[in-house]
Amino acid sequence: MAASAPTPHATGFPAEGRCGYYVEKKKRFCRMVVAAGKRFCGEHAGAAEDFFIQDINAGLKDEAEIPEQLIPISSLSEEHLESLIKKLRKASEGLNSTLKDQIMSHPALHDALNDPKNGDSATKHLKQQASILGNIEKLKLLGPRRCFVEFGAGKGKLSHWVDIALKDAEKVHFILVEKMTTRFKVDGKHRKKNSVFERLQIDIQHLCLNKIPVLSKEKLPVVGIGKHLCGVATDLALRCLVETYAASCEESNEEPLAKRIKNDKTEKEINTLAKEGNEKSVPEKWTPVAGIVIALCCHHRCDWRHYVGKEYFKALGLGAVEFHYFQRMSSWATCGMRKTSLEASNITTTRQDHQNDDSEEHDDGGYRITDDSSESLPGFLTVGEKKKIGHLCKLLIDQGRIKYLQHKGFSPALQYYTDPLVSLENVLLTALPNHSSSPETTA
């Protein structure tokens, strides 16, 4: 009997005319047809670039940590659920559950915010963008000679407003990272000579920033920004910035003596210029990551493998199982809640706005049902108790991120950046390197 032909997976090659990207989760190559002369399909086109390195920001994979099958929350016994809630409350002891209000605005959005043509959804997005921009300025991250990397960029509107706020600042570069094909992008409208927009269609999980030419050659300090960076994407972005990029830059700074002497001379020249009144245009010292400003979102979509706060959880006696249930329970903070009178009166307008404006963003205006919604909420808890538990889960997950950033040499903080009536996902994560003037850290 003749031997059967080997499968593409067995030979380690994709089928002829098909995408060459190997989908780890499915244990096979992508089956999309590629264009003539291309190796990858449109979805995986980024894999052909130098800055694509498979799973570079994914974190360590330990199969023993990840349970094969977990019972849904709706199927848990009352005793099991009570045990999980006790663990949550014990782990959260001492954490400051009341965050500082940092609801801000910025003059760059004044005209847009007061445009009478705005619908409710447009106004809501503009308020959030204005507050994020105000916080970026408060942290002294708005300035020339730097690169803003917007993770989960969508249409690129946050970078758009940063560019507007910077006016004619010199040598500003924007890198917009988005894995999905996006319509109505605004970054293509910018034609200023002092700022450059570059869009990368790639999953953050595979993005190696120090392989991007402008960062490897120009040595521009990076400011990581994001508006509603969904669940696991936040962890991938943090690792991309402070572990993959910053760490590799620090390693490359171990230079030969002759080169260090040359750089010392350059540093003295910079200091001389600074004394002459050029502090704003010449940075005192180059740092790979100048700061991070990310609006958090969708904790129920976090993933234990990619989570940056594993060590924090383990130190509390928690592991993959507890993390799984806490991330599912985090949706209680925004689910099973009643629509406010404001939302009820504008529900028709809001739905219409969502179809036309920023529909790709996770705005969570208080009217969204997620996986563990009302059907899976246990009856022995009141709506108020569920909301508090959901917020505790979010806080604990975010605290793991805070500890991670502290361990990596940053001064991080959590704060409310917008009103709950604007968005229930209203927490902003900020971080500055320890040597700069840093925001207050959470307890």
Protein backbone atom coordinates (compact mmCIF):
# COMPACT_ATOMS: atom_id res chain seq x y z
CA MET A 1 0.00 0.00 0.00
CA ALA A 2 1.41 3.39 -1.02
CA ALA A 3 2.24 5.84 1.74
CA SER A 4 -0.06 8.84 1.93
CA ALA A 5 1.34 12.28 1.11
CA PRO A 6 2.59 14.22 4.12
CA THR A 7 0.36 17.04 5.37
CA PRO A 8 1.63 20.66 5.25
CA HIS A 9 1.94 20.65 9.06
CA ALA A 10 3.98 17.47 9.03
CA THR A 11 6.40 18.97 6.51
CA GLY A 12 6.57 22.29 8.37
CA PHE A 13 5.35 24.26 5.34
CA PRO A 14 1.98 25.88 4.51
CA ALA A 15 -0.14 24.55 1.66
CA GLU A 16 0.63 26.00 -1.75
CA GLY A 17 -0.91 29.43 -2.27
CA ARG A 18 -1.87 29.71 1.40
CA CYS A 19 -0.68 32.02 4.18
CA GLY A 20 2.65 31.15 5.80
CA TYR A 21 1.63 32.29 9.29
CA TYR A 22 1.52 29.48 11.87
CA VAL A 23 -1.48 29.83 14.19
CA GLU A 24 -0.20 28.49 17.50
CA LYS A 25 -3.65 28.23 19.07
CA LYS A 26 -4.94 26.04 16.24
CA LYS A 27 -1.64 24.18 15.76
CA ARG A 28 -1.71 24.77 12.03
CA PHE A 29 -0.88 27.31 9.33
CA CYS A 30 -3.41 29.98 8.38
CA ARG A 31 -5.50 28.76 5.45
CA MET A 32 -6.20 32.14 3.84
CA VAL A 33 -5.28 32.51 0.17
CA VAL A 34 -2.41 34.94 -0.44
CA ALA A 35 -1.99 37.39 -3.30
CA ALA A 36 0.46 36.60 -6.07
CA GLY A 37 4.03 37.03 -4.89
CA LYS A 38 2.99 37.39 -1.23
CA ARG A 39 3.88 35.07 1.64
CA PHE A 40 1.19 36.16 4.11
CA CYS A 41 -2.50 37.08 3.92
CA GLY A 42 -3.72 40.60 4.74
CA GLU A 43 -4.46 39.73 8.36
CA HIS A 44 -0.92 38.44 8.96
CA ALA A 45 0.95 40.85 6.64
CA GLY A 46 2.90 42.20 9.63
CA ALA A 47 4.62 38.82 9.98
CA ALA A 48 6.75 39.69 6.96
CA GLU A 49 8.25 42.71 8.75
CA ASP A 50 11.46 42.78 10.77
CA PHE A 51 9.57 44.05 13.82
CA PHE A 52 7.46 40.86 13.90
CA ILE A 53 8.90 38.33 16.37
CA GLN A 54 6.53 35.50 17.25
CA ASP A 55 5.21 35.76 20.84
CA ILE A 56 7.96 38.15 21.98
CA ASN A 57 5.55 39.88 24.39
CA ALA A 58 3.46 36.82 25.27
CA GLY A 59 5.13 35.93 28.54
CA LEU A 60 6.30 32.51 29.66
CA LYS A 61 4.00 29.62 28.88
CA ASP A 62 3.54 27.06 31.65
CA GLU A 63 0.94 24.47 30.77
CA ALA A 64 0.86 23.22 34.37
CA GLU A 65 -0.49 26.60 35.50
CA ILE A 66 -3.42 26.68 33.09
CA PRO A 67 -6.31 24.35 33.94
CA GLU A 68 -7.70 22.42 31.00
CA GLN A 69 -11.33 22.97 31.90
CA LEU A 70 -12.97 25.27 34.41
CA ILE A 71 -16.59 25.32 35.53
CA PRO A 72 -18.49 28.48 34.48
CA ILE A 73 -19.38 30.87 37.30
CA SER A 74 -23.07 30.16 36.70
CA SER A 75 -22.42 26.48 37.52
CA LEU A 76 -20.36 27.03 40.69
CA SER A 77 -21.89 25.98 43.99
CA GLU A 78 -22.73 28.72 46.48
CA GLU A 79 -19.99 27.42 48.81
CA HIS A 80 -17.34 27.50 46.06
CA LEU A 81 -18.30 31.02 45.06
CA GLU A 82 -18.27 32.22 48.66
CA SER A 83 -14.78 30.72 49.04
CA LEU A 84 -13.57 32.66 45.99
CA ILE A 85 -15.07 35.90 47.30
CA LYS A 86 -13.36 35.37 50.68
CA LYS A 87 -10.02 34.89 48.91
CA LEU A 88 -10.66 38.05 46.90
CA ARG A 89 -11.46 40.14 49.99
CA LYS A 90 -8.45 38.82 51.87
CA ALA A 91 -6.13 39.53 48.92
CA SER A 92 -7.58 43.03 48.58
CA GLU A 93 -7.05 44.01 52.24
CA GLY A 94 -5.05 47.21 52.49
CA LEU A 95 -5.64 48.27 48.89
CA ASN A 96 -7.03 51.76 48.39
CA SER A 97 -10.29 51.13 46.56
CA THR A 98 -11.02 54.87 46.21
CA LEU A 99 -8.82 56.22 43.45
CA LYS A 100 -7.90 59.85 42.99
CA ASP A 101 -9.96 61.89 40.52
CA GLN A 102 -7.85 63.20 37.63
CA ILE A 103 -10.65 64.30 35.33
CA MET A 104 -8.98 66.86 33.08
CA SER A 105 -9.34 68.55 29.72
CA HIS A 106 -7.14 70.22 27.15
CA PRO A 107 -7.52 73.41 25.06
CA ALA A 108 -6.75 71.45 21.87
CA LEU A 109 -10.24 69.90 22.06
CA HIS A 110 -12.13 73.03 23.10
CA ASP A 111 -13.75 73.69 19.72
CA ALA A 112 -14.52 70.02 19.10
CA LEU A 113 -16.12 69.61 22.53
CA ASN A 114 -18.37 72.63 21.92
CA ASP A 115 -19.44 71.65 18.42
CA PRO A 116 -23.28 71.65 18.43
CA LYS A 117 -23.30 68.91 15.78
CA ASN A 118 -21.86 66.36 18.24
CA GLY A 119 -24.06 63.44 19.24
CA ASP A 120 -23.89 61.89 22.72
CA SER A 121 -21.36 59.26 21.67
CA ALA A 122 -19.06 61.77 19.95
CA THR A 123 -19.14 64.04 23.01
CA LYS A 124 -18.37 61.10 25.28
CA HIS A 125 -15.30 60.09 23.25
CA LEU A 126 -14.05 63.67 23.06
CA LYS A 127 -14.32 64.10 26.84
CA GLN A 128 -12.24 60.97 27.38
CA GLN A 129 -9.65 61.99 24.79
CA ALA A 130 -9.43 65.47 26.33
CA SER A 131 -8.87 64.04 29.80
CA ILE A 132 -6.22 61.57 28.60
CA LEU A 133 -4.47 64.40 26.79
CA GLY A 134 -4.68 66.59 29.91
CA ASN A 135 -3.10 63.81 31.97
CA ILE A 136 -0.33 63.33 29.38
CA GLU A 137 0.45 67.05 29.67
CA LYS A 138 0.30 66.97 33.48
CA LEU A 139 2.96 64.25 33.46
CA LYS A 140 5.13 66.50 31.23
CA LEU A 141 5.07 63.97 28.41
CA LEU A 142 3.87 66.39 25.73
CA GLY A 143 6.91 67.76 23.97
CA PRO A 144 9.25 67.60 21.00
CA ARG A 145 11.73 64.88 20.05
CA ARG A 146 9.77 61.82 21.11
CA CYS A 147 7.77 58.95 19.70
CA PHE A 148 4.18 58.30 20.75
CA VAL A 149 3.18 54.65 20.37
CA GLU A 150 -0.61 54.27 20.44
CA PHE A 151 -1.62 50.68 21.21
CA GLY A 152 -5.02 49.51 19.99
CA ALA A 153 -5.11 52.66 17.89
CA GLY A 154 -8.35 52.01 15.97
CA LYS A 155 -8.93 55.13 13.88
CA GLY A 156 -5.99 56.88 15.52
CA LYS A 157 -7.96 59.70 17.13
CA LEU A 158 -5.95 59.84 20.37
CA SER A 159 -2.73 60.34 18.40
CA HIS A 160 -4.57 62.89 16.27
CA TRP A 161 -5.33 65.04 19.30
CA VAL A 162 -1.83 64.64 20.70
CA ASP A 163 -0.51 65.94 17.38
CA ILE A 164 -2.92 68.88 17.45
CA ALA A 165 -1.83 69.72 21.02
CA LEU A 166 1.86 69.63 20.05
CA LYS A 167 1.30 72.17 17.26
CA ASP A 168 4.67 72.64 15.55
CA ALA A 169 6.85 70.67 17.98
CA GLU A 170 9.95 69.33 16.27
CA LYS A 171 10.77 65.75 15.46
CA VAL A 172 7.62 64.00 16.70
CA HIS A 173 6.86 60.51 15.48
CA PHE A 174 3.62 58.55 15.91
CA ILE A 175 3.42 54.77 15.66
CA LEU A 176 -0.16 53.47 15.59
CA VAL A 177 -0.45 49.78 16.43
CA GLU A 178 -3.66 48.00 15.43
CA LYS A 179 -4.07 44.37 14.42
CA MET A 180 -7.39 44.89 12.62
CA THR A 181 -8.02 46.57 9.29
CA THR A 182 -9.62 49.92 10.18
CA ARG A 183 -11.85 52.20 8.13
CA PHE A 184 -12.03 56.02 8.37
CA LYS A 185 -8.52 56.38 9.79
CA VAL A 186 -7.59 59.96 10.70
CA ASP A 187 -3.80 59.56 10.70
CA GLY A 188 -3.69 59.76 6.91
CA LYS A 189 -4.92 63.36 7.08
CA HIS A 190 -1.79 64.66 8.80
CA ARG A 191 0.72 66.31 6.51
CA LYS A 192 2.81 68.36 8.97
CA LYS A 193 6.53 68.33 8.24
CA ASN A 194 7.51 68.05 11.92
CA SER A 195 5.42 64.96 12.75
CA VAL A 196 5.32 61.58 11.03
CA PHE A 197 2.55 59.00 11.33
CA GLU A 198 3.29 55.31 10.80
CA ARG A 199 0.63 52.62 11.12
CA LEU A 200 1.56 49.01 11.91
CA GLN A 201 -1.01 46.27 11.37
CA ILE A 202 0.26 43.74 13.89
CA ASP A 203 -0.79 42.02 17.10
CA ILE A 204 0.99 43.62 20.09
CA GLN A 205 1.94 40.08 21.14
CA HIS A 206 4.47 39.92 18.28
CA LEU A 207 5.66 43.56 18.17
CA CYS A 208 9.37 44.25 18.74
CA LEU A 209 9.74 48.02 19.03
CA ASN A 210 13.52 48.11 18.82
CA LYS A 211 13.29 46.61 15.32
CA ILE A 212 11.39 49.68 14.08
CA PRO A 213 13.90 51.84 12.15
CA VAL A 214 12.89 55.23 13.62
CA LEU A 215 13.38 53.94 17.17
CA SER A 216 16.60 52.05 16.52
CA LYS A 217 18.20 54.95 14.61
CA GLU A 218 16.78 58.14 16.12
CA LYS A 219 16.72 56.97 19.78
CA LEU A 220 13.54 58.92 20.45
CA PRO A 221 12.05 58.46 23.94
CA VAL A 222 8.84 56.44 23.68
CA VAL A 223 5.52 57.45 25.26
CA GLY A 224 3.06 54.54 25.30
CA ILE A 225 -0.57 55.64 25.07
CA GLY A 226 -3.94 53.93 24.60
CA LYS A 227 -7.65 54.60 24.99
CA HIS A 228 -9.64 51.60 26.24
CA LEU A 229 -6.89 49.07 25.68
CA CYS A 230 -8.84 45.86 25.99
CA GLY A 231 -7.96 43.29 28.67
CA VAL A 232 -4.96 41.24 27.66
CA ALA A 233 -3.76 43.95 25.24
CA THR A 234 -2.78 46.09 28.24
CA ASP A 235 -0.49 43.37 29.59
CA LEU A 236 1.02 42.79 26.14
CA ALA A 237 1.63 46.54 25.71
CA LEU A 238 3.26 46.88 29.15
CA ARG A 239 5.59 43.96 28.45
CA CYS A 240 6.32 45.33 24.98
CA LEU A 241 7.36 48.69 26.46
CA VAL A 242 9.17 47.98 29.72
CA GLU A 243 10.46 44.45 29.22
CA THR A 244 11.05 43.82 25.54
CA TYR A 245 11.96 47.38 24.47
CA ALA A 246 13.38 49.19 27.51
CA ALA A 247 15.39 46.20 28.70
CA SER A 248 16.94 45.63 25.27
CA CYS A 249 17.85 49.32 25.01
CA GLU A 250 19.55 49.22 28.41
CA GLU A 251 21.55 46.17 27.34
CA SER A 252 22.68 47.95 24.16
CA ASN A 253 23.82 50.91 26.28
CA GLU A 254 26.67 48.78 27.63
CA GLU A 255 29.09 50.42 25.20
CA PRO A 256 32.86 50.26 24.72
CA LEU A 257 34.87 52.81 26.75
CA ALA A 258 35.78 54.97 23.73
CA LYS A 259 32.14 55.26 22.72
CA ARG A 260 31.07 56.10 26.28
CA ILE A 261 33.65 58.94 26.41
CA LYS A 262 32.28 60.30 23.14
CA ASN A 263 28.74 60.14 24.51
CA ASP A 264 29.85 61.88 27.72
CA LYS A 265 31.10 64.79 25.60
CA THR A 266 27.75 64.93 23.84
CA GLU A 267 25.99 64.93 27.21
CA LYS A 268 28.14 67.88 28.38
CA GLU A 269 27.16 69.81 25.25
CA ILE A 270 23.51 69.06 25.95
CA ASN A 271 23.86 70.31 29.53
CA THR A 272 25.50 73.52 28.26
CA LEU A 273 22.60 74.11 25.89
CA ALA A 274 20.15 73.46 28.70
CA LYS A 275 21.78 76.13 30.84
CA GLU A 276 21.34 78.58 27.97
CA GLY A 277 17.57 78.19 28.21
CA ASN A 278 16.91 75.24 25.92
CA GLU A 279 15.61 72.83 28.58
CA LYS A 280 12.37 72.20 26.73
CA SER A 281 13.95 71.37 23.39
CA VAL A 282 16.88 69.23 24.61
CA PRO A 283 16.19 66.27 26.90
CA GLU A 284 18.58 65.97 29.85
CA LYS A 285 19.01 62.25 29.45
CA TRP A 286 17.63 59.78 26.95
CA THR A 287 15.42 57.09 28.38
CA PRO A 288 13.87 54.35 26.22
CA VAL A 289 10.38 54.75 27.74
CA ALA A 290 9.57 58.29 28.90
CA GLY A 291 6.10 57.39 30.18
CA ILE A 292 2.92 55.34 29.89
CA VAL A 293 -0.68 56.60 29.82
CA ILE A 294 -3.29 53.90 29.15
CA ALA A 295 -7.05 53.93 29.76
CA LEU A 296 -7.92 50.43 30.98
CA CYS A 297 -10.81 48.33 29.76
CA CYS A 298 -12.42 44.88 29.72
CA HIS A 299 -10.64 43.06 32.56
CA HIS A 300 -12.81 40.02 31.83
CA ARG A 301 -10.76 39.58 28.64
CA CYS A 302 -7.44 39.22 30.46
CA ASP A 303 -5.40 36.02 30.12
CA TRP A 304 -3.28 34.34 32.79
CA ARG A 305 -0.47 33.45 30.39
CA HIS A 306 -0.01 37.05 29.28
CA TYR A 307 -0.80 38.73 32.61
CA VAL A 308 2.18 40.73 33.93
CA GLY A 309 1.12 40.47 37.59
CA LYS A 310 1.57 36.71 38.03
CA GLU A 311 4.24 37.09 40.72
CA TYR A 312 1.97 39.42 42.70
CA PHE A 313 -0.87 36.88 42.58
CA LYS A 314 1.44 34.03 43.57
CA ALA A 315 2.75 36.05 46.54
CA LEU A 316 -0.87 36.31 47.74
CA GLY A 317 -1.33 32.54 47.46
CA LEU A 318 -3.41 32.88 44.29
CA GLY A 319 -2.94 31.21 40.93
CA ALA A 320 -4.41 30.59 37.50
CA VAL A 321 -7.76 29.25 38.81
CA GLU A 322 -8.43 32.25 41.06
CA PHE A 323 -7.30 34.63 38.32
CA HIS A 324 -9.71 33.02 35.87
CA TYR A 325 -12.70 33.52 38.16
CA PHE A 326 -11.66 37.00 39.28
CA GLN A 327 -11.35 38.18 35.69
CA ARG A 328 -14.79 36.76 34.91
CA MET A 329 -16.27 38.34 38.04
CA SER A 330 -14.72 41.71 37.12
CA SER A 331 -17.54 42.13 34.59
CA TRP A 332 -19.95 42.48 37.53
CA ALA A 333 -18.64 46.03 37.95
CA THR A 334 -20.33 47.05 34.70
CA CYS A 335 -22.90 44.28 34.11
CA GLY A 336 -26.28 43.57 35.63
CA MET A 337 -26.66 47.26 36.32
CA ARG A 338 -29.67 49.41 35.56
CA LYS A 339 -29.54 52.01 32.82
CA THR A 340 -29.26 55.53 34.23
CA SER A 341 -31.95 58.06 33.45
CA LEU A 342 -29.46 59.80 31.16
CA GLU A 343 -28.87 56.64 29.15
CA ALA A 344 -32.55 55.72 29.11
CA SER A 345 -33.52 59.10 27.69
CA ASN A 346 -30.84 58.96 25.01
CA ILE A 347 -30.76 55.24 24.21
CA THR A 348 -32.02 55.67 20.63
CA THR A 349 -29.52 58.44 19.91
CA THR A 350 -26.68 56.45 21.49
CA ARG A 351 -27.34 53.36 19.38
CA GLN A 352 -27.45 55.50 16.24
CA ASP A 353 -24.20 57.25 17.19
CA HIS A 354 -22.48 53.92 17.80
CA GLN A 355 -23.18 52.89 14.22
CA ASN A 356 -21.50 56.00 12.87
CA ASP A 357 -18.81 57.05 15.34
CA ASP A 358 -16.02 55.06 16.97
CA SER A 359 -17.94 51.80 16.89
CA GLU A 360 -14.67 49.88 17.10
CA GLU A 361 -13.82 51.26 20.54
CA HIS A 362 -14.81 49.81 23.89
CA ASP A 363 -16.69 52.79 25.23
CA ASP A 364 -18.80 51.01 27.84
CA GLY A 365 -21.17 53.88 28.49
CA GLY A 366 -22.81 51.78 31.16
CA TYR A 367 -24.98 49.85 28.71
CA ARG A 368 -23.20 46.66 27.78
CA ILE A 369 -23.72 43.00 28.69
CA THR A 370 -20.71 40.71 28.63
CA ASP A 371 -20.14 36.98 29.03
CA ASP A 372 -20.90 36.60 32.74
CA SER A 373 -23.97 38.81 32.67
CA SER A 374 -27.32 38.65 34.49
CA GLU A 375 -27.97 34.96 33.83
CA SER A 376 -24.79 33.94 35.67
CA LEU A 377 -25.03 36.33 38.61
CA PRO A 378 -25.63 34.38 41.85
CA GLY A 379 -28.92 35.11 43.59
CA PHE A 380 -27.52 35.39 47.12
CA LEU A 381 -25.70 38.65 46.22
CA THR A 382 -27.40 42.01 45.77
CA VAL A 383 -26.69 44.22 42.76
CA GLY A 384 -24.65 46.54 44.99
CA GLU A 385 -22.56 43.65 46.37
CA LYS A 386 -21.91 42.33 42.87
CA LYS A 387 -20.76 45.77 41.77
CA LYS A 388 -18.33 46.03 44.70
CA ILE A 389 -16.93 42.55 44.04
CA GLY A 390 -16.48 43.39 40.36
CA HIS A 391 -14.56 46.55 41.26
CA LEU A 392 -12.39 44.60 43.72
CA CYS A 393 -11.51 42.12 40.98
CA LYS A 394 -10.52 44.96 38.65
CA LEU A 395 -8.50 46.63 41.39
CA LEU A 396 -6.62 43.43 42.26
CA ILE A 397 -5.78 42.73 38.62
CA ASP A 398 -4.61 46.32 38.16
CA GLN A 399 -2.57 46.14 41.37
CA GLY A 400 -0.60 43.28 39.82
CA ARG A 401 0.22 45.63 36.93
CA ILE A 402 1.27 48.33 39.40
CA LYS A 403 3.65 45.94 41.18
CA TYR A 404 5.07 44.79 37.85
CA LEU A 405 5.83 48.36 36.79
CA GLN A 406 7.38 49.15 40.17
CA HIS A 407 9.62 46.10 39.85
CA LYS A 408 10.68 47.30 36.39
CA GLY A 409 11.78 50.71 37.69
CA PHE A 410 8.67 52.82 37.13
CA SER A 411 6.47 54.93 39.39
CA PRO A 412 2.91 53.92 38.42
CA ALA A 413 -0.49 55.22 39.49
CA LEU A 414 -4.17 54.47 38.97
CA GLN A 415 -6.73 57.28 38.80
CA TYR A 416 -10.22 58.07 37.55
CA TYR A 417 -9.92 60.07 34.33
CA THR A 418 -13.59 60.49 33.42
CA ASP A 419 -17.02 60.46 35.03
CA PRO A 420 -18.85 57.08 35.30
CA LEU A 421 -21.74 58.62 33.32
CA VAL A 422 -19.30 59.09 30.44
CA SER A 423 -17.76 55.62 30.75
CA LEU A 424 -17.89 52.96 33.45
CA GLU A 425 -14.41 51.91 32.28
CA ASN A 426 -12.94 55.10 33.73
CA VAL A 427 -9.55 54.11 35.19
CA LEU A 428 -6.29 55.46 33.77
CA LEU A 429 -2.94 53.74 34.33
CA THR A 430 0.06 56.08 34.24
CA ALA A 431 3.74 55.40 34.81
CA LEU A 432 6.99 57.37 34.69
CA PRO A 433 10.57 56.12 35.06
CA ASN A 434 11.77 56.43 38.65
CA HIS A 435 14.38 59.08 37.87
CA SER A 436 11.73 61.53 36.64
CA SER A 437 9.14 63.42 38.69
CA SER A 438 6.62 60.66 39.23
CA PRO A 439 2.89 60.46 39.98
CA GLU A 440 1.63 59.16 43.30
CA THR A 441 1.54 55.38 43.53
CA THR A 442 -1.42 53.48 44.82
CA ALA A 443 -1.41 51.68 48.15
